[in-house]
Amino acid sequence: MSQLLPPSPLPTKPPFRKGKRLGLGAVAFSGAGQLALGIAGGLALVGRSRVRTAGPPLPEQTIERVKDEIAETKDKAKEARNE
């Protein structure tokens, strides 16, 4: 059958080159994924440390003032009922 077909004008590559290319592509893809995860992990650590140093999410003085105002309002309501 090879006598019926003309020789191919394009040179064929040995199969081991395809495997080498596939392996290098897989390594590059994996490396890019690991790099992205490393960057994301680093950003997460920086963000976490900044949140911790920011302090509590609610101002303590405001909470105490609101509690005092609620207690004062309750006391005035009791006095009004007793009169």
N, C-alpha and C. Protein backbone atom coordinates (compact mmCIF):
# COMPACT_ATOMS: atom_id res chain seq x y z
N MET A 1 0.80 -1.18 0.00
CA MET A 1 0.00 0.00 0.00
C MET A 1 0.85 1.26 0.00
N SER A 2 1.99 1.21 0.62
CA SER A 2 2.86 2.37 0.64
C SER A 2 3.33 2.73 -0.76
N GLN A 3 3.26 1.79 -1.66
CA GLN A 3 3.67 2.07 -3.03
C GLN A 3 2.62 2.93 -3.74
N LEU A 4 1.36 2.89 -3.29
CA LEU A 4 0.30 3.65 -3.93
C LEU A 4 0.27 5.10 -3.48
N LEU A 5 0.74 5.37 -2.26
CA LEU A 5 0.69 6.73 -1.71
C LEU A 5 2.01 7.44 -1.97
N PRO A 6 1.94 8.72 -2.36
CA PRO A 6 3.18 9.47 -2.53
C PRO A 6 3.78 9.80 -1.17
N PRO A 7 5.05 10.05 -1.09
CA PRO A 7 5.65 10.39 0.19
C PRO A 7 5.08 11.70 0.72
N SER A 8 4.95 11.81 2.01
CA SER A 8 4.39 12.99 2.66
C SER A 8 5.35 14.16 2.49
N PRO A 9 4.86 15.35 2.10
CA PRO A 9 5.76 16.50 1.94
C PRO A 9 6.21 17.07 3.30
N LEU A 10 5.42 16.83 4.35
CA LEU A 10 5.77 17.33 5.68
C LEU A 10 6.53 16.28 6.46
N PRO A 11 7.61 16.68 7.09
CA PRO A 11 8.33 15.69 7.90
C PRO A 11 7.51 15.35 9.15
N THR A 12 7.53 14.13 9.53
CA THR A 12 6.80 13.72 10.72
C THR A 12 7.74 13.78 11.92
N LYS A 13 7.18 14.14 13.06
CA LYS A 13 7.97 14.24 14.28
C LYS A 13 7.94 12.90 14.98
N PRO A 14 9.05 12.54 15.58
CA PRO A 14 9.03 11.30 16.36
C PRO A 14 8.04 11.42 17.51
N PRO A 15 7.42 10.34 17.94
CA PRO A 15 6.39 10.40 18.99
C PRO A 15 6.91 10.90 20.33
N PHE A 16 8.18 10.74 20.63
CA PHE A 16 8.66 11.17 21.95
C PHE A 16 8.63 12.69 22.08
N ARG A 17 8.71 13.42 20.99
CA ARG A 17 8.63 14.89 21.07
C ARG A 17 7.23 15.35 21.48
N LYS A 18 6.23 14.64 21.02
CA LYS A 18 4.86 14.98 21.41
C LYS A 18 4.68 14.76 22.91
N GLY A 19 5.21 13.67 23.40
CA GLY A 19 5.12 13.39 24.84
C GLY A 19 5.86 14.42 25.67
N LYS A 20 7.03 14.83 25.16
CA LYS A 20 7.81 15.84 25.87
C LYS A 20 7.06 17.16 25.92
N ARG A 21 6.44 17.52 24.79
CA ARG A 21 5.65 18.75 24.74
C ARG A 21 4.46 18.68 25.69
N LEU A 22 3.81 17.54 25.71
CA LEU A 22 2.66 17.34 26.60
C LEU A 22 3.10 17.46 28.06
N GLY A 23 4.22 16.85 28.38
CA GLY A 23 4.73 16.91 29.76
C GLY A 23 5.09 18.32 30.17
N LEU A 24 5.77 19.04 29.31
CA LEU A 24 6.13 20.42 29.63
C LEU A 24 4.89 21.31 29.76
N GLY A 25 3.89 21.07 28.92
CA GLY A 25 2.65 21.83 29.03
C GLY A 25 1.94 21.56 30.34
N ALA A 26 1.94 20.30 30.75
CA ALA A 26 1.28 19.94 32.02
C ALA A 26 2.02 20.57 33.20
N VAL A 27 3.35 20.57 33.16
CA VAL A 27 4.14 21.17 34.24
C VAL A 27 3.88 22.68 34.30
N ALA A 28 3.85 23.33 33.13
CA ALA A 28 3.59 24.76 33.11
C ALA A 28 2.20 25.09 33.64
N PHE A 29 1.22 24.30 33.24
CA PHE A 29 -0.15 24.51 33.70
C PHE A 29 -0.25 24.32 35.21
N SER A 30 0.40 23.28 35.72
CA SER A 30 0.39 23.00 37.15
C SER A 30 1.11 24.11 37.92
N GLY A 31 2.22 24.55 37.38
CA GLY A 31 2.96 25.64 38.03
C GLY A 31 2.16 26.92 38.10
N ALA A 32 1.44 27.21 37.03
CA ALA A 32 0.60 28.41 37.03
C ALA A 32 -0.51 28.30 38.08
N GLY A 33 -1.08 27.12 38.21
CA GLY A 33 -2.12 26.92 39.23
C GLY A 33 -1.57 27.07 40.63
N GLN A 34 -0.38 26.52 40.86
CA GLN A 34 0.23 26.63 42.19
C GLN A 34 0.60 28.07 42.49
N LEU A 35 1.07 28.79 41.49
CA LEU A 35 1.41 30.19 41.68
C LEU A 35 0.17 31.01 42.04
N ALA A 36 -0.93 30.74 41.34
CA ALA A 36 -2.18 31.45 41.62
C ALA A 36 -2.66 31.15 43.04
N LEU A 37 -2.55 29.89 43.46
CA LEU A 37 -2.97 29.54 44.82
C LEU A 37 -2.06 30.19 45.85
N GLY A 38 -0.78 30.26 45.54
CA GLY A 38 0.16 30.91 46.46
C GLY A 38 -0.14 32.38 46.63
N ILE A 39 -0.44 33.04 45.54
CA ILE A 39 -0.77 34.47 45.60
C ILE A 39 -2.07 34.67 46.37
N ALA A 40 -3.07 33.84 46.08
CA ALA A 40 -4.36 33.95 46.79
C ALA A 40 -4.17 33.69 48.28
N GLY A 41 -3.36 32.71 48.62
CA GLY A 41 -3.10 32.42 50.04
C GLY A 41 -2.40 33.58 50.73
N GLY A 42 -1.45 34.18 50.05
CA GLY A 42 -0.75 35.33 50.62
C GLY A 42 -1.68 36.51 50.84
N LEU A 43 -2.54 36.76 49.87
CA LEU A 43 -3.51 37.84 50.03
C LEU A 43 -4.48 37.56 51.18
N ALA A 44 -4.86 36.30 51.33
CA ALA A 44 -5.77 35.94 52.42
C ALA A 44 -5.11 36.20 53.78
N LEU A 45 -3.82 35.87 53.90
CA LEU A 45 -3.12 36.10 55.16
C LEU A 45 -2.99 37.59 55.47
N VAL A 46 -2.69 38.38 54.45
CA VAL A 46 -2.60 39.83 54.65
C VAL A 46 -3.95 40.39 55.06
N GLY A 47 -5.00 39.97 54.39
CA GLY A 47 -6.34 40.44 54.73
C GLY A 47 -6.74 40.07 56.14
N ARG A 48 -6.42 38.84 56.53
CA ARG A 48 -6.77 38.39 57.87
C ARG A 48 -6.05 39.21 58.94
N SER A 49 -4.78 39.49 58.71
CA SER A 49 -4.03 40.26 59.71
C SER A 49 -4.57 41.69 59.80
N ARG A 50 -4.99 42.26 58.68
CA ARG A 50 -5.55 43.62 58.72
C ARG A 50 -6.89 43.66 59.43
N VAL A 51 -7.69 42.63 59.24
CA VAL A 51 -8.98 42.57 59.93
C VAL A 51 -8.76 42.44 61.43
N ARG A 52 -7.79 41.64 61.82
CA ARG A 52 -7.52 41.46 63.25
C ARG A 52 -7.04 42.75 63.90
N THR A 53 -6.20 43.52 63.20
CA THR A 53 -5.68 44.75 63.79
C THR A 53 -6.69 45.89 63.75
N ALA A 54 -7.76 45.74 62.98
CA ALA A 54 -8.77 46.79 62.87
C ALA A 54 -9.56 46.94 64.16
N GLY A 55 -9.64 45.90 64.95
CA GLY A 55 -10.39 45.97 66.19
C GLY A 55 -11.78 45.39 66.05
N PRO A 56 -12.56 45.50 67.12
CA PRO A 56 -13.91 44.93 67.07
C PRO A 56 -14.78 45.68 66.06
N PRO A 57 -15.75 45.00 65.47
CA PRO A 57 -16.58 45.64 64.45
C PRO A 57 -17.54 46.69 65.00
N LEU A 58 -17.89 46.62 66.29
CA LEU A 58 -18.80 47.60 66.88
C LEU A 58 -18.05 48.42 67.92
N PRO A 59 -18.23 49.73 67.93
CA PRO A 59 -17.56 50.56 68.92
C PRO A 59 -18.14 50.31 70.31
N GLU A 60 -17.25 50.03 71.25
CA GLU A 60 -17.69 49.69 72.61
C GLU A 60 -18.40 50.87 73.30
N GLN A 61 -17.93 52.08 73.08
CA GLN A 61 -18.55 53.24 73.74
C GLN A 61 -19.99 53.41 73.28
N THR A 62 -20.25 53.21 72.04
CA THR A 62 -21.61 53.36 71.52
C THR A 62 -22.53 52.32 72.13
N ILE A 63 -22.05 51.10 72.24
CA ILE A 63 -22.85 50.03 72.84
C ILE A 63 -23.22 50.39 74.27
N GLU A 64 -22.24 50.88 75.04
CA GLU A 64 -22.50 51.25 76.43
C GLU A 64 -23.50 52.41 76.51
N ARG A 65 -23.37 53.38 75.64
CA ARG A 65 -24.31 54.51 75.65
C ARG A 65 -25.73 54.06 75.34
N VAL A 66 -25.87 53.17 74.37
CA VAL A 66 -27.20 52.67 74.02
C VAL A 66 -27.80 51.90 75.19
N LYS A 67 -26.99 51.08 75.86
CA LYS A 67 -27.49 50.33 77.03
C LYS A 67 -27.93 51.28 78.13
N ASP A 68 -27.15 52.34 78.35
CA ASP A 68 -27.53 53.32 79.38
C ASP A 68 -28.83 54.04 79.01
N GLU A 69 -28.98 54.39 77.74
CA GLU A 69 -30.20 55.07 77.31
C GLU A 69 -31.42 54.16 77.43
N ILE A 70 -31.24 52.88 77.14
CA ILE A 70 -32.35 51.92 77.28
C ILE A 70 -32.75 51.81 78.74
N ALA A 71 -31.77 51.69 79.61
CA ALA A 71 -32.07 51.59 81.05
C ALA A 71 -32.76 52.85 81.55
N GLU A 72 -32.29 54.01 81.11
CA GLU A 72 -32.90 55.27 81.52
C GLU A 72 -34.35 55.37 81.02
N THR A 73 -34.59 54.95 79.79
CA THR A 73 -35.94 54.98 79.23
C THR A 73 -36.86 54.04 79.99
N LYS A 74 -36.37 52.87 80.36
CA LYS A 74 -37.18 51.92 81.13
C LYS A 74 -37.52 52.49 82.49
N ASP A 75 -36.54 53.14 83.12
CA ASP A 75 -36.79 53.74 84.44
C ASP A 75 -37.86 54.85 84.34
N LYS A 76 -37.77 55.68 83.32
CA LYS A 76 -38.75 56.77 83.15
C LYS A 76 -40.14 56.19 82.86
N ALA A 77 -40.20 55.08 82.11
CA ALA A 77 -41.49 54.45 81.82
C ALA A 77 -42.11 53.89 83.09
N LYS A 78 -41.30 53.30 83.98
CA LYS A 78 -41.81 52.77 85.25
C LYS A 78 -42.32 53.90 86.13
N GLU A 79 -41.57 55.00 86.16
CA GLU A 79 -41.99 56.15 86.98
C GLU A 79 -43.31 56.72 86.45
N ALA A 80 -43.47 56.76 85.15
CA ALA A 80 -44.68 57.31 84.55
C ALA A 80 -45.89 56.44 84.88
N ARG A 81 -45.69 55.11 84.94
CA ARG A 81 -46.79 54.20 85.26
C ARG A 81 -47.20 54.32 86.73
N ASN A 82 -46.25 54.58 87.59
CA ASN A 82 -46.52 54.66 89.02
C ASN A 82 -47.21 55.96 89.41
N GLU A 83 -47.17 56.98 88.62
CA GLU A 83 -47.77 58.27 88.96
C GLU A 83 -49.25 58.30 88.77
